[in-house]
């Protein structure tokens, strides 16, 4: 059974940094592109970032470009999201996702709150 478990969320001040991690199991991780998706209260889910299976190509939503960096370690079945210069509008539940449009392929999420 596929499982994704996120960690690393916290409450931080604007301008702060966090590193989110996701551990995958139940499927051949190295064969799949991976994503991060976030959902703020009362809003639709928003795709944040994508990394290809080999880890050498990444894409970002415009609002996080230059601030967030996605990476993966296929030897450890992990995908990470380094987030810098966090803004209040980054506050959301962040999900690791194998398919960004299928919530059944997402983890439970880790909460990021950016507030002074």
C-alpha atoms as a PDB file:
ATOM      1  CA  UNK A   1       0.000   0.000   0.000  1.00  0.00           C
ATOM      2  CA  UNK A   2       1.358   3.405  -0.984  1.00  0.00           C
ATOM      3  CA  UNK A   3       2.145   5.669   1.941  1.00  0.00           C
ATOM      4  CA  UNK A   4       3.553   9.194   2.174  1.00  0.00           C
ATOM      5  CA  UNK A   5       4.435  10.690   5.565  1.00  0.00           C
ATOM      6  CA  UNK A   6       5.319  14.355   5.846  1.00  0.00           C
ATOM      7  CA  UNK A   7       7.145  16.161   8.635  1.00  0.00           C
ATOM      8  CA  UNK A   8       8.800  19.471   9.378  1.00  0.00           C
ATOM      9  CA  UNK A   9       5.874  21.858   9.591  1.00  0.00           C
ATOM     10  CA  UNK A  10       5.923  24.505  12.302  1.00  0.00           C
ATOM     11  CA  UNK A  11       4.980  28.045  13.256  1.00  0.00           C
ATOM     12  CA  UNK A  12       7.515  30.572  11.993  1.00  0.00           C
ATOM     13  CA  UNK A  13       7.787  34.330  11.678  1.00  0.00           C
ATOM     14  CA  UNK A  14       7.717  36.059   8.292  1.00  0.00           C
ATOM     15  CA  UNK A  15      11.121  35.821   6.693  1.00  0.00           C
ATOM     16  CA  UNK A  16      11.856  32.528   8.416  1.00  0.00           C
ATOM     17  CA  UNK A  17      12.755  29.155   6.937  1.00  0.00           C
ATOM     18  CA  UNK A  18      11.540  25.579   7.186  1.00  0.00           C
ATOM     19  CA  UNK A  19      12.461  22.275   5.598  1.00  0.00           C
ATOM     20  CA  UNK A  20       9.665  19.818   4.938  1.00  0.00           C
ATOM     21  CA  UNK A  21      10.378  16.135   4.400  1.00  0.00           C
ATOM     22  CA  UNK A  22       8.313  13.270   3.047  1.00  0.00           C
ATOM     23  CA  UNK A  23       9.114   9.582   3.364  1.00  0.00           C
ATOM     24  CA  UNK A  24       7.546   7.277   0.783  1.00  0.00           C
ATOM     25  CA  UNK A  25       6.807   3.573   1.002  1.00  0.00           C
ATOM     26  CA  UNK A  26       4.718   0.946  -0.768  1.00  0.00           C
ATOM     27  CA  UNK A  27       5.803   1.779  -4.314  1.00  0.00           C
ATOM     28  CA  UNK A  28       8.988   2.096  -6.358  1.00  0.00           C
ATOM     29  CA  UNK A  29       9.754   5.691  -5.424  1.00  0.00           C
ATOM     30  CA  UNK A  30      12.599   6.178  -7.902  1.00  0.00           C
ATOM     31  CA  UNK A  31      10.254   5.612 -10.858  1.00  0.00           C
ATOM     32  CA  UNK A  32       7.824   8.408 -10.020  1.00  0.00           C
ATOM     33  CA  UNK A  33       7.852  12.168 -10.327  1.00  0.00           C
ATOM     34  CA  UNK A  34       6.828  13.769  -7.030  1.00  0.00           C
ATOM     35  CA  UNK A  35       5.050  16.956  -5.985  1.00  0.00           C
ATOM     36  CA  UNK A  36       4.207  19.215  -3.102  1.00  0.00           C
ATOM     37  CA  UNK A  37       0.658  20.550  -2.891  1.00  0.00           C
ATOM     38  CA  UNK A  38      -0.664  22.969  -0.276  1.00  0.00           C
ATOM     39  CA  UNK A  39      -4.112  23.883   0.935  1.00  0.00           C
ATOM     40  CA  UNK A  40      -4.891  26.985   2.922  1.00  0.00           C
ATOM     41  CA  UNK A  41      -8.051  27.164   5.064  1.00  0.00           C
ATOM     42  CA  UNK A  42     -11.100  27.812   2.921  1.00  0.00           C
ATOM     43  CA  UNK A  43      -9.168  27.587  -0.327  1.00  0.00           C
ATOM     44  CA  UNK A  44      -8.692  25.061  -3.084  1.00  0.00           C
ATOM     45  CA  UNK A  45      -5.504  22.968  -3.114  1.00  0.00           C
ATOM     46  CA  UNK A  46      -2.602  24.630  -4.886  1.00  0.00           C
ATOM     47  CA  UNK A  47       0.227  22.796  -6.617  1.00  0.00           C
ATOM     48  CA  UNK A  48       3.549  24.161  -5.322  1.00  0.00           C
ATOM     49  CA  UNK A  49       6.410  22.195  -6.837  1.00  0.00           C
ATOM     50  CA  UNK A  50       7.303  19.169  -8.952  1.00  0.00           C
ATOM     51  CA  UNK A  51      10.485  17.141  -9.302  1.00  0.00           C
ATOM     52  CA  UNK A  52      11.111  14.468 -11.897  1.00  0.00           C
ATOM     53  CA  UNK A  53      11.998  10.918 -11.001  1.00  0.00           C
ATOM     54  CA  UNK A  54      15.726  11.449 -11.465  1.00  0.00           C
ATOM     55  CA  UNK A  55      15.761  14.616  -9.395  1.00  0.00           C
ATOM     56  CA  UNK A  56      17.404  16.786 -12.038  1.00  0.00           C
ATOM     57  CA  UNK A  57      14.416  18.856 -13.152  1.00  0.00           C
ATOM     58  CA  UNK A  58      12.052  20.887 -10.973  1.00  0.00           C
ATOM     59  CA  UNK A  59       9.165  23.277 -11.465  1.00  0.00           C
ATOM     60  CA  UNK A  60       7.562  25.779  -9.113  1.00  0.00           C
ATOM     61  CA  UNK A  61       4.438  27.875  -8.913  1.00  0.00           C
ATOM     62  CA  UNK A  62       5.367  31.496  -9.590  1.00  0.00           C
ATOM     63  CA  UNK A  63       4.612  32.625  -6.040  1.00  0.00           C
ATOM     64  CA  UNK A  64       7.401  30.489  -4.550  1.00  0.00           C
ATOM     65  CA  UNK A  65      10.072  30.729  -7.256  1.00  0.00           C
ATOM     66  CA  UNK A  66      13.389  31.817  -5.789  1.00  0.00           C
ATOM     67  CA  UNK A  67      12.255  30.993  -2.253  1.00  0.00           C
ATOM     68  CA  UNK A  68      11.470  27.260  -2.286  1.00  0.00           C
ATOM     69  CA  UNK A  69      13.680  24.382  -3.431  1.00  0.00           C
ATOM     70  CA  UNK A  70      12.482  20.832  -3.986  1.00  0.00           C
ATOM     71  CA  UNK A  71      14.878  17.899  -3.820  1.00  0.00           C
ATOM     72  CA  UNK A  72      14.814  14.127  -3.475  1.00  0.00           C
ATOM     73  CA  UNK A  73      16.972  11.248  -2.346  1.00  0.00           C
ATOM     74  CA  UNK A  74      16.035   8.056  -4.153  1.00  0.00           C
ATOM     75  CA  UNK A  75      18.307   6.000  -1.882  1.00  0.00           C
ATOM     76  CA  UNK A  76      16.182   7.038   1.101  1.00  0.00           C
ATOM     77  CA  UNK A  77      12.780   7.330  -0.623  1.00  0.00           C
ATOM     78  CA  UNK A  78      12.465  10.922   0.488  1.00  0.00           C
ATOM     79  CA  UNK A  79      11.421  14.200  -1.106  1.00  0.00           C
ATOM     80  CA  UNK A  80      12.031  17.529   0.612  1.00  0.00           C
ATOM     81  CA  UNK A  81      10.960  21.133   0.282  1.00  0.00           C
ATOM     82  CA  UNK A  82      13.315  23.826   1.532  1.00  0.00           C
ATOM     83  CA  UNK A  83      11.336  27.009   2.156  1.00  0.00           C
ATOM     84  CA  UNK A  84      13.031  30.357   2.729  1.00  0.00           C
ATOM     85  CA  UNK A  85      11.775  33.906   3.211  1.00  0.00           C
ATOM     86  CA  UNK A  86       8.400  32.578   4.258  1.00  0.00           C
ATOM     87  CA  UNK A  87       5.398  34.861   3.960  1.00  0.00           C
ATOM     88  CA  UNK A  88       2.021  34.800   5.743  1.00  0.00           C
ATOM     89  CA  UNK A  89       0.413  33.719   2.465  1.00  0.00           C
ATOM     90  CA  UNK A  90       2.494  30.531   2.590  1.00  0.00           C
ATOM     91  CA  UNK A  91       0.423  29.384   5.569  1.00  0.00           C
ATOM     92  CA  UNK A  92      -1.191  26.085   4.618  1.00  0.00           C
ATOM     93  CA  UNK A  93      -1.279  22.338   5.096  1.00  0.00           C
ATOM     94  CA  UNK A  94       1.501  20.991   2.865  1.00  0.00           C
ATOM     95  CA  UNK A  95       1.038  17.584   1.260  1.00  0.00           C
ATOM     96  CA  UNK A  96       3.575  15.375  -0.441  1.00  0.00           C
ATOM     97  CA  UNK A  97       1.847  14.012  -3.559  1.00  0.00           C
ATOM     98  CA  UNK A  98       2.571  11.435  -6.192  1.00  0.00           C
ATOM     99  CA  UNK A  99      -0.253  12.770  -8.388  1.00  0.00           C
ATOM    100  CA  UNK A 100      -1.152  16.412  -7.659  1.00  0.00           C
ATOM    101  CA  UNK A 101      -4.726  16.033  -8.940  1.00  0.00           C
ATOM    102  CA  UNK A 102      -5.524  12.810  -7.079  1.00  0.00           C
ATOM    103  CA  UNK A 103      -5.863  13.384  -3.322  1.00  0.00           C
ATOM    104  CA  UNK A 104      -5.778   9.623  -2.815  1.00  0.00           C
ATOM    105  CA  UNK A 105      -2.078   9.781  -3.676  1.00  0.00           C
ATOM    106  CA  UNK A 106      -1.258  12.499  -1.118  1.00  0.00           C
ATOM    107  CA  UNK A 107       0.078  12.177   2.403  1.00  0.00           C
ATOM    108  CA  UNK A 108      -1.821  13.534   5.395  1.00  0.00           C
ATOM    109  CA  UNK A 109       0.161  16.749   5.352  1.00  0.00           C
ATOM    110  CA  UNK A 110       2.222  18.903   7.672  1.00  0.00           C
ATOM    111  CA  UNK A 111       1.043  22.336   8.847  1.00  0.00           C
ATOM    112  CA  UNK A 112       3.058  25.446   8.086  1.00  0.00           C
ATOM    113  CA  UNK A 113       1.974  28.655   9.796  1.00  0.00           C
ATOM    114  CA  UNK A 114       3.732  31.931   9.066  1.00  0.00           C
ATOM    115  CA  UNK A 115       2.784  34.583  11.579  1.00  0.00           C
ATOM    116  CA  UNK A 116       4.355  37.302  13.671  1.00  0.00           C
END
